[in-house]
Amino acid sequence: MTQTLADMRRDYTRDGLDEAQAPAEPFALFRRWFDDAVKTEQLPVEPNAMTLATVDEEGRPHCRVLLLKGLDERGFTFFSNYDSAKGQQLAARPFAAMTFFWPSLERQVRIEGRVERVSAQESDAYFQVRPLGSRLGAWASPQSRVIKDREELQQLLADTERRFLDRAPECPPHWGGYRLLAERIEFWQGRSSRLHDRLNYRLQGDAWLRERLAP
């Protein structure tokens, strides 16, 4: 290694976050920050990429990067195979956390809450706008299961292509959306000397409580 991990650091000086900039509820601020990320982040960074954390039946945490595909006042929506590892974990313990990090803006958002499946109609509507290859892949891949090699996956895809040779693939019954119903949303803005700004929103009944956290 040309540089030791202990010496790797960056000072954050781009912006600040105070209560005067923050609305009473968190969704407006998230949309504002997300729009900033879309305008600022450069490819190959995907502004809707987030780390999703789930917990299995033994209480062991699991993380992976997914793409956010929907947002409204009901929550944050993503899609997956229901039979995958994450799907099984969410079936056993329907709670999750997601983290967005936008390095160009020196910003991070952490979201926690209960997770529920979206309706079959919502899943089908999104499935139909996916590229054909992604729709075929949703049928072909036994996500999270052990396979022998890449050739096995290619054979599964070839079988699926033949199956749907004369018709468009419909949404598989084992695939669809999840919505994280936010109970906590924290906005983090990097500041100099690691004295970062952290504004935390906690849902209490039907109202959001906003509070500042020490960095």
N, C-alpha and C. Protein backbone atom coordinates (compact mmCIF):
# COMPACT_ATOMS: atom_id res chain seq x y z
N MET A 1 0.84 -1.20 0.00
CA MET A 1 0.00 0.00 0.00
C MET A 1 0.87 1.25 0.00
N THR A 2 0.58 2.19 -0.92
CA THR A 2 1.38 3.40 -1.01
C THR A 2 1.05 4.40 0.09
N GLN A 3 -0.08 4.22 0.74
CA GLN A 3 -0.50 5.13 1.80
C GLN A 3 -1.19 4.31 2.89
N THR A 4 -0.80 4.53 4.14
CA THR A 4 -1.41 3.76 5.21
C THR A 4 -2.85 4.22 5.43
N LEU A 5 -3.69 3.31 5.90
CA LEU A 5 -5.08 3.66 6.13
C LEU A 5 -5.21 4.79 7.15
N ALA A 6 -4.35 4.79 8.15
CA ALA A 6 -4.43 5.82 9.19
C ALA A 6 -4.18 7.22 8.64
N ASP A 7 -3.44 7.31 7.52
CA ASP A 7 -3.11 8.62 6.94
C ASP A 7 -4.12 9.07 5.89
N MET A 8 -5.09 8.23 5.56
CA MET A 8 -6.07 8.59 4.53
C MET A 8 -7.19 9.41 5.16
N ARG A 9 -7.28 10.67 4.77
CA ARG A 9 -8.32 11.54 5.33
C ARG A 9 -8.61 12.67 4.36
N ARG A 10 -9.79 13.25 4.52
CA ARG A 10 -10.21 14.38 3.71
C ARG A 10 -10.97 15.35 4.60
N ASP A 11 -10.68 16.61 4.47
CA ASP A 11 -11.40 17.62 5.23
C ASP A 11 -12.60 18.09 4.42
N TYR A 12 -13.76 18.17 5.05
CA TYR A 12 -14.99 18.55 4.36
C TYR A 12 -15.26 20.04 4.58
N THR A 13 -15.33 20.78 3.51
CA THR A 13 -15.47 22.23 3.62
C THR A 13 -16.51 22.81 2.69
N ARG A 14 -17.28 21.96 2.00
CA ARG A 14 -18.15 22.46 0.94
C ARG A 14 -19.35 23.24 1.44
N ASP A 15 -20.00 22.78 2.50
CA ASP A 15 -21.30 23.36 2.86
C ASP A 15 -21.57 23.14 4.33
N GLY A 16 -22.70 23.67 4.80
CA GLY A 16 -23.17 23.44 6.16
C GLY A 16 -24.65 23.10 6.13
N LEU A 17 -25.17 22.70 7.26
CA LEU A 17 -26.59 22.38 7.39
C LEU A 17 -27.07 22.86 8.74
N ASP A 18 -27.96 23.84 8.74
CA ASP A 18 -28.52 24.31 10.01
C ASP A 18 -30.04 24.24 9.95
N GLU A 19 -30.64 24.48 11.07
CA GLU A 19 -32.09 24.33 11.18
C GLU A 19 -32.85 25.27 10.25
N ALA A 20 -32.26 26.43 9.94
CA ALA A 20 -32.92 27.37 9.05
C ALA A 20 -33.06 26.83 7.63
N GLN A 21 -32.21 25.88 7.27
CA GLN A 21 -32.27 25.27 5.94
C GLN A 21 -33.18 24.05 5.89
N ALA A 22 -33.65 23.61 7.04
CA ALA A 22 -34.34 22.32 7.13
C ALA A 22 -35.84 22.52 7.35
N PRO A 23 -36.67 21.87 6.54
CA PRO A 23 -38.13 21.94 6.74
C PRO A 23 -38.55 21.14 7.96
N ALA A 24 -39.84 21.26 8.29
CA ALA A 24 -40.35 20.56 9.47
C ALA A 24 -40.43 19.06 9.27
N GLU A 25 -40.59 18.62 8.02
CA GLU A 25 -40.63 17.18 7.73
C GLU A 25 -39.48 16.83 6.78
N PRO A 26 -39.01 15.58 6.78
CA PRO A 26 -37.76 15.25 6.09
C PRO A 26 -37.86 15.01 4.59
N PHE A 27 -39.03 14.72 4.05
CA PHE A 27 -39.09 14.32 2.64
C PHE A 27 -38.74 15.46 1.70
N ALA A 28 -39.12 16.68 2.04
CA ALA A 28 -38.78 17.83 1.20
C ALA A 28 -37.27 18.03 1.16
N LEU A 29 -36.62 17.87 2.30
CA LEU A 29 -35.17 18.01 2.34
C LEU A 29 -34.50 16.89 1.57
N PHE A 30 -35.00 15.66 1.67
CA PHE A 30 -34.41 14.56 0.92
C PHE A 30 -34.53 14.83 -0.58
N ARG A 31 -35.68 15.27 -1.04
CA ARG A 31 -35.85 15.55 -2.46
C ARG A 31 -34.89 16.65 -2.92
N ARG A 32 -34.71 17.67 -2.08
CA ARG A 32 -33.79 18.75 -2.43
C ARG A 32 -32.37 18.23 -2.55
N TRP A 33 -31.95 17.41 -1.59
CA TRP A 33 -30.60 16.85 -1.63
C TRP A 33 -30.45 15.87 -2.79
N PHE A 34 -31.48 15.08 -3.05
CA PHE A 34 -31.40 14.13 -4.15
C PHE A 34 -31.28 14.87 -5.49
N ASP A 35 -32.05 15.94 -5.67
CA ASP A 35 -31.95 16.73 -6.89
C ASP A 35 -30.55 17.31 -7.04
N ASP A 36 -29.96 17.77 -5.94
CA ASP A 36 -28.59 18.27 -5.97
C ASP A 36 -27.62 17.17 -6.41
N ALA A 37 -27.85 15.96 -5.90
CA ALA A 37 -26.96 14.84 -6.25
C ALA A 37 -27.08 14.49 -7.72
N VAL A 38 -28.30 14.51 -8.26
CA VAL A 38 -28.49 14.21 -9.68
C VAL A 38 -27.74 15.21 -10.54
N LYS A 39 -27.74 16.48 -10.14
CA LYS A 39 -27.07 17.53 -10.91
C LYS A 39 -25.55 17.51 -10.73
N THR A 40 -25.07 17.01 -9.58
CA THR A 40 -23.67 17.17 -9.22
C THR A 40 -22.83 15.92 -9.41
N GLU A 41 -23.36 14.76 -9.01
CA GLU A 41 -22.56 13.54 -9.08
C GLU A 41 -22.31 13.15 -10.53
N GLN A 42 -21.11 12.71 -10.80
CA GLN A 42 -20.71 12.34 -12.15
C GLN A 42 -20.67 10.82 -12.27
N LEU A 43 -21.01 10.31 -13.47
CA LEU A 43 -20.89 8.88 -13.72
C LEU A 43 -19.45 8.45 -13.51
N PRO A 44 -19.20 7.23 -12.97
CA PRO A 44 -20.15 6.13 -12.82
C PRO A 44 -20.97 6.15 -11.53
N VAL A 45 -20.89 7.22 -10.75
CA VAL A 45 -21.68 7.29 -9.52
C VAL A 45 -23.16 7.38 -9.88
N GLU A 46 -23.98 6.56 -9.24
CA GLU A 46 -25.43 6.59 -9.44
C GLU A 46 -26.07 7.26 -8.22
N PRO A 47 -26.67 8.42 -8.37
CA PRO A 47 -27.18 9.15 -7.20
C PRO A 47 -28.26 8.40 -6.44
N ASN A 48 -28.95 7.45 -7.10
CA ASN A 48 -29.99 6.69 -6.41
C ASN A 48 -29.46 5.38 -5.81
N ALA A 49 -28.15 5.19 -5.84
CA ALA A 49 -27.56 4.00 -5.21
C ALA A 49 -27.54 4.18 -3.69
N MET A 50 -27.87 3.13 -2.99
CA MET A 50 -27.88 3.17 -1.52
C MET A 50 -27.50 1.80 -0.98
N THR A 51 -26.97 1.82 0.22
CA THR A 51 -26.65 0.58 0.93
C THR A 51 -27.86 0.18 1.76
N LEU A 52 -28.34 -1.04 1.56
CA LEU A 52 -29.49 -1.54 2.31
C LEU A 52 -29.00 -2.58 3.33
N ALA A 53 -29.36 -2.39 4.58
CA ALA A 53 -28.99 -3.31 5.64
C ALA A 53 -30.23 -4.03 6.15
N THR A 54 -30.13 -5.36 6.26
CA THR A 54 -31.19 -6.19 6.82
C THR A 54 -30.58 -7.10 7.88
N VAL A 55 -31.44 -7.80 8.59
CA VAL A 55 -31.00 -8.70 9.66
C VAL A 55 -31.67 -10.05 9.47
N ASP A 56 -30.90 -11.13 9.64
CA ASP A 56 -31.48 -12.46 9.48
C ASP A 56 -32.09 -12.95 10.79
N GLU A 57 -32.59 -14.17 10.78
CA GLU A 57 -33.29 -14.72 11.94
C GLU A 57 -32.38 -14.86 13.15
N GLU A 58 -31.06 -14.95 12.94
CA GLU A 58 -30.10 -15.06 14.03
C GLU A 58 -29.60 -13.71 14.51
N GLY A 59 -30.13 -12.65 13.94
CA GLY A 59 -29.71 -11.31 14.34
C GLY A 59 -28.43 -10.84 13.68
N ARG A 60 -27.98 -11.54 12.64
CA ARG A 60 -26.76 -11.16 11.95
C ARG A 60 -27.09 -10.15 10.84
N PRO A 61 -26.35 -9.04 10.78
CA PRO A 61 -26.64 -8.02 9.76
C PRO A 61 -26.06 -8.38 8.41
N HIS A 62 -26.71 -7.89 7.35
CA HIS A 62 -26.27 -8.09 5.98
C HIS A 62 -26.45 -6.78 5.23
N CYS A 63 -25.47 -6.40 4.40
CA CYS A 63 -25.54 -5.16 3.63
C CYS A 63 -25.27 -5.44 2.16
N ARG A 64 -25.87 -4.63 1.31
CA ARG A 64 -25.61 -4.67 -0.12
C ARG A 64 -26.07 -3.35 -0.73
N VAL A 65 -25.58 -3.05 -1.93
CA VAL A 65 -25.93 -1.81 -2.61
C VAL A 65 -27.07 -2.08 -3.59
N LEU A 66 -28.13 -1.27 -3.50
CA LEU A 66 -29.28 -1.36 -4.39
C LEU A 66 -29.58 0.02 -4.96
N LEU A 67 -30.57 0.09 -5.83
CA LEU A 67 -31.00 1.35 -6.41
C LEU A 67 -32.39 1.72 -5.92
N LEU A 68 -32.54 2.95 -5.46
CA LEU A 68 -33.86 3.45 -5.09
C LEU A 68 -34.67 3.67 -6.37
N LYS A 69 -35.92 3.18 -6.37
CA LYS A 69 -36.75 3.29 -7.57
C LYS A 69 -38.06 4.02 -7.35
N GLY A 70 -38.31 4.47 -6.14
CA GLY A 70 -39.54 5.22 -5.89
C GLY A 70 -39.48 5.94 -4.56
N LEU A 71 -40.12 7.10 -4.48
CA LEU A 71 -40.17 7.87 -3.24
C LEU A 71 -41.44 8.69 -3.21
N ASP A 72 -42.19 8.55 -2.12
CA ASP A 72 -43.31 9.44 -1.84
C ASP A 72 -43.48 9.48 -0.32
N GLU A 73 -44.54 10.13 0.15
CA GLU A 73 -44.73 10.25 1.59
C GLU A 73 -44.98 8.92 2.28
N ARG A 74 -45.25 7.86 1.49
CA ARG A 74 -45.40 6.54 2.10
C ARG A 74 -44.05 5.93 2.42
N GLY A 75 -43.01 6.25 1.65
CA GLY A 75 -41.71 5.69 1.94
C GLY A 75 -40.82 5.57 0.72
N PHE A 76 -39.77 4.75 0.86
CA PHE A 76 -38.70 4.60 -0.12
C PHE A 76 -38.81 3.20 -0.74
N THR A 77 -38.89 3.12 -2.07
CA THR A 77 -39.20 1.87 -2.74
C THR A 77 -38.00 1.32 -3.51
N PHE A 78 -37.79 0.00 -3.38
CA PHE A 78 -36.79 -0.72 -4.15
C PHE A 78 -37.38 -2.06 -4.55
N PHE A 79 -36.72 -2.76 -5.48
CA PHE A 79 -37.26 -4.01 -6.02
C PHE A 79 -36.23 -5.11 -5.91
N SER A 80 -36.72 -6.35 -5.79
CA SER A 80 -35.82 -7.49 -5.64
C SER A 80 -36.58 -8.79 -5.85
N ASN A 81 -35.83 -9.88 -5.81
CA ASN A 81 -36.38 -11.23 -5.82
C ASN A 81 -36.84 -11.56 -4.40
N TYR A 82 -38.10 -11.93 -4.24
CA TYR A 82 -38.63 -12.23 -2.91
C TYR A 82 -37.97 -13.46 -2.29
N ASP A 83 -37.43 -14.36 -3.14
CA ASP A 83 -36.80 -15.58 -2.64
C ASP A 83 -35.31 -15.41 -2.38
N SER A 84 -34.77 -14.22 -2.63
CA SER A 84 -33.35 -13.96 -2.41
C SER A 84 -33.04 -13.94 -0.92
N ALA A 85 -31.76 -13.83 -0.59
CA ALA A 85 -31.36 -13.75 0.81
C ALA A 85 -32.01 -12.56 1.50
N LYS A 86 -31.99 -11.41 0.84
CA LYS A 86 -32.59 -10.23 1.46
C LYS A 86 -34.09 -10.41 1.62
N GLY A 87 -34.73 -11.06 0.62
CA GLY A 87 -36.15 -11.31 0.71
C GLY A 87 -36.51 -12.19 1.88
N GLN A 88 -35.73 -13.22 2.12
CA GLN A 88 -35.96 -14.11 3.25
C GLN A 88 -35.72 -13.38 4.57
N GLN A 89 -34.70 -12.53 4.60
CA GLN A 89 -34.43 -11.77 5.82
C GLN A 89 -35.56 -10.79 6.12
N LEU A 90 -36.08 -10.13 5.09
CA LEU A 90 -37.18 -9.19 5.31
C LEU A 90 -38.47 -9.90 5.68
N ALA A 91 -38.65 -11.13 5.19
CA ALA A 91 -39.83 -11.90 5.58
C ALA A 91 -39.77 -12.27 7.06
N ALA A 92 -38.56 -12.57 7.53
CA ALA A 92 -38.38 -12.97 8.93
C ALA A 92 -38.39 -11.77 9.86
N ARG A 93 -37.73 -10.69 9.43
CA ARG A 93 -37.63 -9.48 10.25
C ARG A 93 -37.83 -8.27 9.34
N PRO A 94 -39.05 -7.76 9.27
CA PRO A 94 -39.38 -6.73 8.28
C PRO A 94 -38.94 -5.32 8.67
N PHE A 95 -37.67 -5.17 8.97
CA PHE A 95 -37.09 -3.87 9.28
C PHE A 95 -35.78 -3.74 8.51
N ALA A 96 -35.44 -2.50 8.13
CA ALA A 96 -34.22 -2.30 7.37
C ALA A 96 -33.72 -0.88 7.58
N ALA A 97 -32.47 -0.68 7.14
CA ALA A 97 -31.87 0.65 7.13
C ALA A 97 -31.22 0.86 5.77
N MET A 98 -31.28 2.08 5.26
CA MET A 98 -30.60 2.39 4.01
C MET A 98 -29.77 3.65 4.18
N THR A 99 -28.66 3.70 3.47
CA THR A 99 -27.75 4.84 3.54
C THR A 99 -27.41 5.32 2.14
N PHE A 100 -27.57 6.61 1.90
CA PHE A 100 -27.13 7.26 0.67
C PHE A 100 -25.89 8.07 0.98
N PHE A 101 -24.87 8.02 0.09
CA PHE A 101 -23.68 8.83 0.26
C PHE A 101 -23.36 9.50 -1.06
N TRP A 102 -23.29 10.83 -1.03
CA TRP A 102 -22.99 11.62 -2.22
C TRP A 102 -21.69 12.37 -1.98
N PRO A 103 -20.55 11.76 -2.35
CA PRO A 103 -19.25 12.31 -1.99
C PRO A 103 -18.97 13.69 -2.56
N SER A 104 -19.45 13.99 -3.77
CA SER A 104 -19.19 15.31 -4.34
C SER A 104 -19.82 16.42 -3.51
N LEU A 105 -20.94 16.10 -2.87
CA LEU A 105 -21.65 17.07 -2.04
C LEU A 105 -21.28 16.95 -0.57
N GLU A 106 -20.47 15.94 -0.24
CA GLU A 106 -20.07 15.68 1.16
C GLU A 106 -21.31 15.49 2.03
N ARG A 107 -22.25 14.68 1.53
CA ARG A 107 -23.52 14.47 2.22
C ARG A 107 -23.84 12.99 2.34
N GLN A 108 -24.53 12.67 3.42
CA GLN A 108 -25.02 11.31 3.67
C GLN A 108 -26.41 11.40 4.27
N VAL A 109 -27.27 10.44 3.90
CA VAL A 109 -28.60 10.34 4.49
C VAL A 109 -28.80 8.91 4.98
N ARG A 110 -29.21 8.75 6.22
CA ARG A 110 -29.50 7.44 6.80
C ARG A 110 -30.99 7.36 7.10
N ILE A 111 -31.60 6.22 6.72
CA ILE A 111 -33.05 6.03 6.86
C ILE A 111 -33.30 4.68 7.51
N GLU A 112 -34.20 4.63 8.48
CA GLU A 112 -34.52 3.39 9.18
C GLU A 112 -36.03 3.26 9.31
N GLY A 113 -36.52 2.02 9.26
CA GLY A 113 -37.95 1.82 9.45
C GLY A 113 -38.41 0.42 9.10
N ARG A 114 -39.70 0.24 9.16
CA ARG A 114 -40.34 -1.04 8.81
C ARG A 114 -40.44 -1.17 7.30
N VAL A 115 -40.39 -2.40 6.81
CA VAL A 115 -40.47 -2.65 5.37
C VAL A 115 -41.70 -3.49 5.07
N GLU A 116 -42.41 -3.13 4.00
CA GLU A 116 -43.56 -3.90 3.55
C GLU A 116 -43.46 -4.08 2.04
N ARG A 117 -44.11 -5.10 1.51
CA ARG A 117 -44.16 -5.27 0.06
C ARG A 117 -45.12 -4.25 -0.54
N VAL A 118 -44.79 -3.77 -1.72
CA VAL A 118 -45.73 -2.91 -2.44
C VAL A 118 -46.79 -3.80 -3.09
N SER A 119 -47.82 -3.20 -3.65
CA SER A 119 -48.89 -3.97 -4.28
C SER A 119 -48.39 -4.66 -5.54
N ALA A 120 -49.08 -5.72 -5.92
CA ALA A 120 -48.73 -6.42 -7.16
C ALA A 120 -48.86 -5.49 -8.36
N GLN A 121 -49.79 -4.56 -8.31
CA GLN A 121 -49.97 -3.61 -9.41
C GLN A 121 -48.76 -2.68 -9.53
N GLU A 122 -48.22 -2.22 -8.40
CA GLU A 122 -47.04 -1.37 -8.44
C GLU A 122 -45.83 -2.14 -8.95
N SER A 123 -45.67 -3.38 -8.51
CA SER A 123 -44.55 -4.20 -8.97
C SER A 123 -44.64 -4.43 -10.47
N ASP A 124 -45.84 -4.74 -10.96
CA ASP A 124 -46.00 -5.01 -12.38
C ASP A 124 -45.74 -3.75 -13.22
N ALA A 125 -46.20 -2.60 -12.72
CA ALA A 125 -46.01 -1.35 -13.47
C ALA A 125 -44.53 -1.04 -13.63
N TYR A 126 -43.74 -1.25 -12.57
CA TYR A 126 -42.31 -0.99 -12.69
C TYR A 126 -41.64 -2.06 -13.55
N PHE A 127 -42.04 -3.31 -13.38
CA PHE A 127 -41.42 -4.40 -14.15
C PHE A 127 -41.55 -4.15 -15.65
N GLN A 128 -42.67 -3.63 -16.08
CA GLN A 128 -42.91 -3.46 -17.50
C GLN A 128 -42.07 -2.35 -18.13
N VAL A 129 -41.51 -1.44 -17.32
CA VAL A 129 -40.66 -0.38 -17.89
C VAL A 129 -39.18 -0.74 -17.79
N ARG A 130 -38.86 -1.91 -17.25
CA ARG A 130 -37.46 -2.33 -17.21
C ARG A 130 -37.01 -2.78 -18.60
N PRO A 131 -35.70 -2.70 -18.89
CA PRO A 131 -35.22 -3.24 -20.17
C PRO A 131 -35.53 -4.73 -20.28
N LEU A 132 -35.69 -5.20 -21.50
CA LEU A 132 -36.05 -6.60 -21.71
C LEU A 132 -35.05 -7.54 -21.06
N GLY A 133 -33.77 -7.24 -21.16
CA GLY A 133 -32.77 -8.11 -20.55
C GLY A 133 -32.94 -8.24 -19.04
N SER A 134 -33.31 -7.14 -18.39
CA SER A 134 -33.53 -7.19 -16.94
C SER A 134 -34.77 -8.00 -16.59
N ARG A 135 -35.81 -7.89 -17.44
CA ARG A 135 -37.02 -8.68 -17.19
C ARG A 135 -36.75 -10.18 -17.36
N LEU A 136 -35.98 -10.52 -18.39
CA LEU A 136 -35.63 -11.93 -18.58
C LEU A 136 -34.75 -12.42 -17.44
N GLY A 137 -33.83 -11.57 -17.00
CA GLY A 137 -32.95 -11.95 -15.90
C GLY A 137 -33.69 -12.22 -14.60
N ALA A 138 -34.78 -11.48 -14.38
CA ALA A 138 -35.56 -11.70 -13.16
C ALA A 138 -36.18 -13.09 -13.15
N TRP A 139 -36.53 -13.60 -14.34
CA TRP A 139 -37.04 -14.97 -14.44
C TRP A 139 -35.92 -16.00 -14.38
N ALA A 140 -34.78 -15.68 -14.99
CA ALA A 140 -33.73 -16.68 -15.16
C ALA A 140 -32.90 -16.92 -13.91
N SER A 141 -32.62 -15.89 -13.14
CA SER A 141 -31.67 -16.02 -12.04
C SER A 141 -32.32 -16.48 -10.74
N PRO A 142 -31.86 -17.60 -10.17
CA PRO A 142 -32.31 -18.02 -8.84
C PRO A 142 -31.51 -17.26 -7.78
N GLN A 143 -31.80 -16.01 -7.63
CA GLN A 143 -30.96 -15.07 -6.88
C GLN A 143 -30.57 -15.59 -5.49
N SER A 144 -29.29 -15.44 -5.18
CA SER A 144 -28.66 -15.80 -3.91
C SER A 144 -28.40 -17.30 -3.75
N ARG A 145 -28.87 -18.13 -4.67
CA ARG A 145 -28.63 -19.57 -4.58
C ARG A 145 -27.29 -19.93 -5.22
N VAL A 146 -26.70 -21.02 -4.76
CA VAL A 146 -25.43 -21.48 -5.31
C VAL A 146 -25.66 -22.07 -6.69
N ILE A 147 -24.85 -21.65 -7.67
CA ILE A 147 -24.88 -22.25 -9.00
C ILE A 147 -23.48 -22.76 -9.33
N LYS A 148 -23.40 -23.67 -10.27
CA LYS A 148 -22.13 -24.34 -10.58
C LYS A 148 -21.12 -23.38 -11.18
N ASP A 149 -21.53 -22.60 -12.18
CA ASP A 149 -20.60 -21.71 -12.87
C ASP A 149 -21.40 -20.73 -13.72
N ARG A 150 -20.69 -19.85 -14.44
CA ARG A 150 -21.35 -18.86 -15.29
C ARG A 150 -22.14 -19.52 -16.41
N GLU A 151 -21.65 -20.65 -16.89
CA GLU A 151 -22.34 -21.35 -17.97
C GLU A 151 -23.74 -21.78 -17.55
N GLU A 152 -23.90 -22.19 -16.28
CA GLU A 152 -25.23 -22.56 -15.81
C GLU A 152 -26.19 -21.38 -15.88
N LEU A 153 -25.70 -20.20 -15.49
CA LEU A 153 -26.53 -19.01 -15.55
C LEU A 153 -26.89 -18.67 -16.99
N GLN A 154 -25.92 -18.80 -17.90
CA GLN A 154 -26.19 -18.53 -19.30
C GLN A 154 -27.22 -19.51 -19.86
N GLN A 155 -27.18 -20.75 -19.42
CA GLN A 155 -28.16 -21.74 -19.87
C GLN A 155 -29.55 -21.40 -19.34
N LEU A 156 -29.62 -20.97 -18.10
CA LEU A 156 -30.91 -20.56 -17.54
C LEU A 156 -31.49 -19.39 -18.31
N LEU A 157 -30.63 -18.46 -18.71
CA LEU A 157 -31.10 -17.32 -19.50
C LEU A 157 -31.57 -17.77 -20.87
N ALA A 158 -30.82 -18.66 -21.50
CA ALA A 158 -31.22 -19.16 -22.82
C ALA A 158 -32.56 -19.87 -22.75
N ASP A 159 -32.77 -20.66 -21.70
CA ASP A 159 -34.06 -21.34 -21.53
C ASP A 159 -35.19 -20.33 -21.36
N THR A 160 -34.91 -19.26 -20.62
CA THR A 160 -35.92 -18.23 -20.40
C THR A 160 -36.24 -17.49 -21.69
N GLU A 161 -35.21 -17.19 -22.48
CA GLU A 161 -35.44 -16.52 -23.76
C GLU A 161 -36.33 -17.35 -24.68
N ARG A 162 -36.12 -18.66 -24.68
CA ARG A 162 -36.98 -19.53 -25.49
C ARG A 162 -38.40 -19.54 -24.95
N ARG A 163 -38.54 -19.53 -23.63
CA ARG A 163 -39.86 -19.54 -23.01
C ARG A 163 -40.68 -18.32 -23.42
N PHE A 164 -40.02 -17.18 -23.54
CA PHE A 164 -40.73 -15.94 -23.86
C PHE A 164 -40.44 -15.48 -25.29
N LEU A 165 -40.18 -16.41 -26.16
CA LEU A 165 -39.85 -16.08 -27.54
C LEU A 165 -40.98 -15.37 -28.25
N ASP A 166 -42.22 -15.76 -27.94
CA ASP A 166 -43.37 -15.21 -28.66
C ASP A 166 -44.24 -14.29 -27.81
N ARG A 167 -43.79 -13.94 -26.64
CA ARG A 167 -44.57 -13.05 -25.79
C ARG A 167 -43.65 -12.28 -24.84
N ALA A 168 -44.13 -11.16 -24.35
CA ALA A 168 -43.35 -10.36 -23.41
C ALA A 168 -43.41 -11.00 -22.03
N PRO A 169 -42.29 -11.03 -21.32
CA PRO A 169 -42.30 -11.63 -19.98
C PRO A 169 -43.12 -10.79 -19.00
N GLU A 170 -44.01 -11.46 -18.30
CA GLU A 170 -44.79 -10.79 -17.27
C GLU A 170 -43.97 -10.75 -15.97
N CYS A 171 -44.46 -10.00 -15.01
CA CYS A 171 -43.77 -9.89 -13.72
C CYS A 171 -43.82 -11.23 -13.00
N PRO A 172 -42.67 -11.79 -12.61
CA PRO A 172 -42.67 -13.09 -11.92
C PRO A 172 -43.34 -12.99 -10.55
N PRO A 173 -43.97 -14.05 -10.09
CA PRO A 173 -44.61 -14.03 -8.77
C PRO A 173 -43.59 -13.92 -7.64
N HIS A 174 -42.33 -14.27 -7.92
CA HIS A 174 -41.29 -14.24 -6.88
C HIS A 174 -40.49 -12.94 -6.92
N TRP A 175 -40.98 -11.93 -7.63
CA TRP A 175 -40.23 -10.68 -7.80
C TRP A 175 -41.16 -9.50 -7.59
N GLY A 176 -40.65 -8.45 -6.95
CA GLY A 176 -41.48 -7.27 -6.76
C GLY A 176 -40.84 -6.24 -5.86
N GLY A 177 -41.65 -5.30 -5.44
CA GLY A 177 -41.13 -4.15 -4.72
C GLY A 177 -41.31 -4.24 -3.21
N TYR A 178 -40.46 -3.48 -2.54
CA TYR A 178 -40.54 -3.27 -1.10
C TYR A 178 -40.57 -1.76 -0.85
N ARG A 179 -41.28 -1.38 0.20
CA ARG A 179 -41.30 0.02 0.60
C ARG A 179 -40.83 0.13 2.05
N LEU A 180 -39.78 0.92 2.27
CA LEU A 180 -39.33 1.19 3.63
C LEU A 180 -40.13 2.37 4.18
N LEU A 181 -40.88 2.13 5.22
CA LEU A 181 -41.71 3.16 5.86
C LEU A 181 -40.85 3.86 6.91
N ALA A 182 -40.34 5.02 6.56
CA ALA A 182 -39.33 5.67 7.40
C ALA A 182 -39.87 6.05 8.78
N GLU A 183 -39.08 5.71 9.79
CA GLU A 183 -39.35 6.12 11.15
C GLU A 183 -38.27 7.06 11.66
N ARG A 184 -37.13 7.04 10.97
CA ARG A 184 -36.01 7.91 11.32
C ARG A 184 -35.23 8.24 10.06
N ILE A 185 -34.93 9.54 9.86
CA ILE A 185 -34.13 9.98 8.71
C ILE A 185 -33.10 10.99 9.23
N GLU A 186 -31.84 10.68 9.03
CA GLU A 186 -30.77 11.58 9.48
C GLU A 186 -30.01 12.15 8.28
N PHE A 187 -29.86 13.47 8.28
CA PHE A 187 -29.11 14.18 7.24
C PHE A 187 -27.75 14.60 7.80
N TRP A 188 -26.71 14.20 7.10
CA TRP A 188 -25.32 14.45 7.53
C TRP A 188 -24.62 15.29 6.48
N GLN A 189 -24.10 16.43 6.91
CA GLN A 189 -23.32 17.29 6.02
C GLN A 189 -21.91 17.38 6.57
N GLY A 190 -20.93 16.99 5.75
CA GLY A 190 -19.55 17.04 6.19
C GLY A 190 -19.10 18.47 6.50
N ARG A 191 -18.35 18.61 7.61
CA ARG A 191 -17.79 19.91 7.99
C ARG A 191 -16.33 19.73 8.38
N SER A 192 -15.62 20.82 8.44
CA SER A 192 -14.19 20.79 8.72
C SER A 192 -13.90 20.23 10.11
N SER A 193 -12.75 19.57 10.24
CA SER A 193 -12.25 19.03 11.50
C SER A 193 -13.18 17.97 12.10
N ARG A 194 -13.96 17.32 11.24
CA ARG A 194 -14.89 16.27 11.65
C ARG A 194 -16.02 16.77 12.56
N LEU A 195 -16.25 18.09 12.59
CA LEU A 195 -17.37 18.63 13.36
C LEU A 195 -18.58 18.76 12.42
N HIS A 196 -19.06 17.61 11.98
CA HIS A 196 -20.10 17.55 10.96
C HIS A 196 -21.45 18.02 11.49
N ASP A 197 -22.31 18.43 10.56
CA ASP A 197 -23.70 18.76 10.89
C ASP A 197 -24.56 17.51 10.74
N ARG A 198 -25.37 17.23 11.75
CA ARG A 198 -26.27 16.08 11.71
C ARG A 198 -27.65 16.52 12.20
N LEU A 199 -28.62 16.51 11.29
CA LEU A 199 -30.01 16.79 11.67
C LEU A 199 -30.80 15.49 11.56
N ASN A 200 -31.44 15.13 12.66
CA ASN A 200 -32.14 13.86 12.75
C ASN A 200 -33.64 14.11 12.89
N TYR A 201 -34.42 13.37 12.08
CA TYR A 201 -35.88 13.42 12.17
C TYR A 201 -36.38 12.09 12.72
N ARG A 202 -37.20 12.14 13.76
CA ARG A 202 -37.81 10.93 14.33
C ARG A 202 -39.32 11.06 14.26
N LEU A 203 -39.97 9.99 13.75
CA LEU A 203 -41.42 10.00 13.65
C LEU A 203 -42.03 9.69 15.01
N GLN A 204 -42.87 10.59 15.49
CA GLN A 204 -43.57 10.40 16.76
C GLN A 204 -45.06 10.56 16.50
N GLY A 205 -45.76 9.42 16.47
CA GLY A 205 -47.16 9.46 16.07
C GLY A 205 -47.25 9.83 14.60
N ASP A 206 -47.94 10.93 14.31
CA ASP A 206 -48.07 11.39 12.93
C ASP A 206 -47.18 12.58 12.64
N ALA A 207 -46.34 12.97 13.58
CA ALA A 207 -45.51 14.17 13.42
C ALA A 207 -44.03 13.81 13.48
N TRP A 208 -43.21 14.65 12.86
CA TRP A 208 -41.77 14.45 12.86
C TRP A 208 -41.12 15.40 13.87
N LEU A 209 -40.26 14.82 14.71
CA LEU A 209 -39.45 15.60 15.64
C LEU A 209 -38.07 15.79 15.03
N ARG A 210 -37.63 17.05 14.91
CA ARG A 210 -36.32 17.34 14.35
C ARG A 210 -35.35 17.73 15.47
N GLU A 211 -34.16 17.15 15.43
CA GLU A 211 -33.18 17.41 16.48
C GLU A 211 -31.78 17.36 15.88
N ARG A 212 -30.86 18.09 16.52
CA ARG A 212 -29.47 18.10 16.09
C ARG A 212 -28.69 17.07 16.94
N LEU A 213 -27.84 16.31 16.24
CA LEU A 213 -27.00 15.33 16.92
C LEU A 213 -25.55 15.79 16.91
N ALA A 214 -24.83 15.46 17.96
CA ALA A 214 -23.40 15.76 17.99
C ALA A 214 -22.68 14.89 16.96
N PRO A 215 -21.64 15.40 16.31
CA PRO A 215 -20.95 14.64 15.28
C PRO A 215 -20.11 13.51 15.89
